[in-house]
Every structure is written in C-alpha cells, then in structure tokens.
C-alpha cells in the first residue's frame, strides 16, 4: 500500500495534492466533462442546495460518531437525519468511523475523492453516497465507480455501490449500481479531462 504521507487534502480550499502536485477531484472530473448537468438551474438555487446538502451530511456524520447534539439541530434537517437513522437501523452496517467522509486518492490514476461512507453491509464492503436531492443524477453510478477505484488501492475491493437518497418525509431510497462499464467510463472521463488540460 502506498504511504499516505504522499497524499494531502486541503479541506478549506478543497484541493487534493499528491506528492505536492494538485490532482483533480472525482466530482470535478465528472462535472467538467458534463456528466453532472445543472444547466438551467439558477446559481443561487445551486448554492442553497449545496449548503443544505452539506448540513445534512454533517448531521449524519456527527450522529454516526455519537457526537451530535440533536437539541440544536435545525428543524429542516430532522427528517433527513431520521431517514439516515432508519437506513442504519434497517441495513445494520458494520460502522467504521475511520471511513466517514475520509479524503483519499488513487495513486495509480492520480485523482482525489471523499467517499461518504465505506462500510460493510451483508458481509460486503460497500461504498455509500448520501444524497438529499429530490432527483438522482444519472452519473452517480460513475461517481461511485471512481470512489471504488480509490478505495481498492487504500482498503480493498468494493463489492457494493449504493446511493442512499434521504427524503424530507423521513424515509430513504437505495439506488444500487452494478454496471461493470461504470469504472471504464470514469477512467475515460479522467483521460479526456487530462488531455484537455494538456492540449487546449
């Protein structure tokens, strides 16, 4: 396994570095190549959704780590946290707090990513993407495939890729991604991203 000291993540500026060089992020690659499409969505709406999504993620993270003070939780966040609690209660994952929102990179392909969770469910190593949006982008499976590539180098092969959509009524929906083509598509996007920056 490659020594982690060669990889650093700047959380303030959201910058990944490998051996001192800036490397792209998983979602940055897919967004640049048009797989995440937000055309027509007002910038203010996108920013509001981003901030709310970050708040949902933080609430779930703190709850998973048993450090959340629910008495001060903003009311709009409550049903999303309830949905996450329900998911954890029903799926009974093996909770590994070291793999909650942990920045990692692919040393081979040179990109960074932050999987929301890497837990074992039904005896299978599973990468989980938590979503609070009302619709699921089709490229989430590709996003998870990129995460799985990096996880394999840092922890071992991923057996399940799931997106967990948390809803405002306290329920959740699981989306599973099994296409073997997803990893190839991610690497293709990375290669195109890199070619464009080297040649355009």
Foldseek 3Di string as FASTA:
>chain_A
DDDCVQWDADPVVRFIGGVRHTFAALVRLCVVVPLDDPPPPDPVNVVVQVVVFVLLLVQLLCVLVVNDDVVPRDPQSVLLNLQVVVCCVVQVWPADNCLAQDWFAQPVLGYIYGFRGFTATPNFTETEAEAADPDDRPLVLLSQLRVQNRCCVVPRGGDWYWYWHGYSNNHIDIDTHDDPCSNVVSSVSSVVVVCVVVPD
